[in-house]
N, C-alpha and C. Protein backbone atom coordinates (compact mmCIF):
# COMPACT_ATOMS: atom_id res chain seq x y z
N MET A 1 0.85 -1.17 0.00
CA MET A 1 0.00 0.00 0.00
C MET A 1 0.89 1.24 0.00
N SER A 2 0.50 2.25 -0.75
CA SER A 2 1.32 3.47 -0.82
C SER A 2 1.07 4.36 0.38
N GLU A 3 2.07 5.16 0.71
CA GLU A 3 1.94 6.06 1.86
C GLU A 3 1.28 7.37 1.43
N ALA A 4 0.61 7.99 2.37
CA ALA A 4 -0.04 9.28 2.10
C ALA A 4 1.02 10.35 1.89
N ILE A 5 0.71 11.31 1.04
CA ILE A 5 1.63 12.41 0.80
C ILE A 5 1.33 13.50 1.83
N LEU A 6 2.22 13.64 2.78
CA LEU A 6 2.06 14.63 3.84
C LEU A 6 2.83 15.89 3.49
N SER A 7 2.58 16.95 4.22
CA SER A 7 3.22 18.22 3.92
C SER A 7 4.74 18.15 3.90
N GLU A 8 5.34 17.29 4.74
CA GLU A 8 6.80 17.21 4.77
C GLU A 8 7.38 16.32 3.67
N ASN A 9 6.56 15.56 2.95
CA ASN A 9 7.09 14.75 1.86
C ASN A 9 6.27 14.95 0.58
N LYS A 10 6.08 16.21 0.23
CA LYS A 10 5.37 16.55 -1.01
C LYS A 10 6.17 16.08 -2.21
N PRO A 11 5.48 15.69 -3.27
CA PRO A 11 6.21 15.27 -4.46
C PRO A 11 6.97 16.44 -5.08
N GLU A 12 8.04 16.10 -5.73
CA GLU A 12 8.91 17.08 -6.37
C GLU A 12 8.29 17.60 -7.67
N THR A 13 8.63 18.83 -8.04
CA THR A 13 8.21 19.40 -9.32
C THR A 13 9.46 19.84 -10.07
N GLU A 14 9.48 19.53 -11.37
CA GLU A 14 10.64 19.90 -12.19
C GLU A 14 10.17 20.54 -13.48
N ALA A 15 10.76 21.68 -13.82
CA ALA A 15 10.46 22.36 -15.09
C ALA A 15 11.38 21.78 -16.15
N THR A 16 10.84 21.61 -17.36
CA THR A 16 11.62 21.04 -18.45
C THR A 16 11.22 21.62 -19.79
N ASN A 17 12.14 21.59 -20.74
CA ASN A 17 11.87 22.05 -22.10
C ASN A 17 11.51 20.89 -23.02
N ASN A 18 11.48 19.67 -22.49
CA ASN A 18 11.21 18.49 -23.29
C ASN A 18 9.78 18.00 -23.08
N ALA A 19 9.13 17.59 -24.16
CA ALA A 19 7.77 17.05 -24.06
C ALA A 19 7.78 15.59 -23.62
N ARG A 20 8.96 14.96 -23.63
CA ARG A 20 9.11 13.58 -23.17
C ARG A 20 10.22 13.57 -22.13
N VAL A 21 9.97 12.96 -20.98
CA VAL A 21 10.93 12.97 -19.88
C VAL A 21 11.11 11.56 -19.33
N ALA A 22 12.20 11.36 -18.57
CA ALA A 22 12.46 10.09 -17.89
C ALA A 22 12.50 10.36 -16.40
N CYS A 23 11.89 9.47 -15.63
CA CYS A 23 11.90 9.61 -14.17
C CYS A 23 12.48 8.34 -13.56
N ASP A 24 13.48 8.52 -12.70
CA ASP A 24 14.13 7.40 -12.00
C ASP A 24 13.66 7.29 -10.56
N GLY A 25 12.99 8.31 -10.06
CA GLY A 25 12.53 8.30 -8.67
C GLY A 25 13.67 8.54 -7.71
N PRO A 26 13.37 8.48 -6.41
CA PRO A 26 14.41 8.68 -5.39
C PRO A 26 15.45 7.56 -5.45
N SER A 27 16.68 7.87 -5.10
CA SER A 27 17.77 6.89 -5.19
C SER A 27 17.58 5.72 -4.23
N PHE A 28 16.85 5.91 -3.13
CA PHE A 28 16.67 4.87 -2.13
C PHE A 28 15.52 3.91 -2.46
N SER A 29 14.77 4.17 -3.52
CA SER A 29 13.61 3.34 -3.84
C SER A 29 13.91 2.36 -4.97
N LYS A 30 12.99 1.47 -5.22
CA LYS A 30 13.11 0.52 -6.32
C LYS A 30 12.27 0.99 -7.51
N HIS A 31 12.14 2.28 -7.64
CA HIS A 31 11.39 2.92 -8.71
C HIS A 31 12.08 2.63 -10.04
N PRO A 32 11.40 2.00 -10.99
CA PRO A 32 12.03 1.75 -12.29
C PRO A 32 12.10 3.04 -13.10
N ARG A 33 13.02 3.12 -14.04
CA ARG A 33 13.06 4.28 -14.93
C ARG A 33 11.86 4.18 -15.86
N VAL A 34 11.08 5.25 -15.89
CA VAL A 34 9.91 5.30 -16.78
C VAL A 34 10.04 6.51 -17.67
N TYR A 35 9.55 6.38 -18.89
CA TYR A 35 9.55 7.48 -19.85
C TYR A 35 8.12 7.97 -19.97
N LEU A 36 7.95 9.27 -19.81
CA LEU A 36 6.61 9.88 -19.75
C LEU A 36 6.48 10.96 -20.82
N THR A 37 5.30 11.08 -21.38
CA THR A 37 5.01 12.10 -22.38
C THR A 37 4.03 13.10 -21.79
N MET A 38 4.30 14.38 -22.02
CA MET A 38 3.47 15.44 -21.47
C MET A 38 2.01 15.32 -21.92
N VAL A 39 1.11 15.72 -21.03
CA VAL A 39 -0.31 15.79 -21.31
C VAL A 39 -0.57 17.14 -21.98
N ASP A 40 -1.32 17.15 -23.05
CA ASP A 40 -1.62 18.41 -23.73
C ASP A 40 -2.71 19.18 -23.00
N ASP A 41 -2.62 20.52 -23.05
CA ASP A 41 -3.67 21.36 -22.49
C ASP A 41 -4.79 21.51 -23.51
N GLU A 42 -5.77 22.36 -23.22
CA GLU A 42 -6.93 22.53 -24.11
C GLU A 42 -6.56 23.13 -25.46
N ASN A 43 -5.39 23.72 -25.58
CA ASN A 43 -4.93 24.29 -26.85
C ASN A 43 -4.04 23.33 -27.64
N GLY A 44 -3.84 22.12 -27.14
CA GLY A 44 -3.01 21.14 -27.82
C GLY A 44 -1.53 21.30 -27.59
N LYS A 45 -1.14 22.12 -26.63
CA LYS A 45 0.28 22.34 -26.30
C LYS A 45 0.66 21.45 -25.11
N PRO A 46 1.90 20.94 -25.08
CA PRO A 46 2.34 20.14 -23.93
C PRO A 46 2.22 20.96 -22.65
N ASN A 47 1.78 20.35 -21.57
CA ASN A 47 1.55 21.08 -20.34
C ASN A 47 2.32 20.46 -19.16
N HIS A 48 2.00 19.22 -18.80
CA HIS A 48 2.64 18.59 -17.65
C HIS A 48 2.45 17.07 -17.73
N VAL A 49 3.15 16.37 -16.83
CA VAL A 49 2.96 14.93 -16.66
C VAL A 49 3.37 14.59 -15.22
N VAL A 50 2.67 13.61 -14.62
CA VAL A 50 2.94 13.18 -13.25
C VAL A 50 3.38 11.72 -13.28
N CYS A 51 4.49 11.43 -12.61
CA CYS A 51 4.99 10.07 -12.55
C CYS A 51 4.03 9.21 -11.73
N PRO A 52 3.61 8.06 -12.27
CA PRO A 52 2.68 7.20 -11.53
C PRO A 52 3.32 6.48 -10.35
N TYR A 53 4.65 6.44 -10.27
CA TYR A 53 5.33 5.75 -9.18
C TYR A 53 5.61 6.66 -7.99
N CYS A 54 6.14 7.86 -8.25
CA CYS A 54 6.58 8.73 -7.15
C CYS A 54 5.84 10.05 -7.08
N SER A 55 4.94 10.31 -8.03
CA SER A 55 4.14 11.53 -8.08
C SER A 55 4.93 12.79 -8.40
N LYS A 56 6.17 12.63 -8.87
CA LYS A 56 6.95 13.81 -9.30
C LYS A 56 6.24 14.41 -10.52
N THR A 57 6.10 15.73 -10.50
CA THR A 57 5.44 16.42 -11.60
C THR A 57 6.47 17.12 -12.48
N PHE A 58 6.37 16.90 -13.77
CA PHE A 58 7.22 17.59 -14.74
C PHE A 58 6.33 18.60 -15.45
N VAL A 59 6.75 19.86 -15.44
CA VAL A 59 5.99 20.95 -16.07
C VAL A 59 6.74 21.42 -17.30
N TYR A 60 6.03 21.49 -18.41
CA TYR A 60 6.64 21.90 -19.68
C TYR A 60 6.76 23.41 -19.74
N THR A 61 7.98 23.89 -19.99
CA THR A 61 8.23 25.34 -20.08
C THR A 61 8.83 25.70 -21.43
N GLY A 62 8.87 24.73 -22.34
CA GLY A 62 9.53 24.92 -23.63
C GLY A 62 8.82 25.88 -24.54
N VAL A 63 9.45 26.12 -25.65
CA VAL A 63 8.95 27.07 -26.64
C VAL A 63 7.94 26.40 -27.54
């Protein structure tokens, strides 16, 4: 069972210029490397993606 996300262990957020990212998770976990593709916003532009393992959010800031 997964642990609740409390205020002291909020998931990380990372800004990126890439619409496709890789997440390895924390070094102490057995999180596999996963490749994620940004979710498009209502205008069809890449917006963000959340890792299903560690809840790290990648926010698209590219051109």
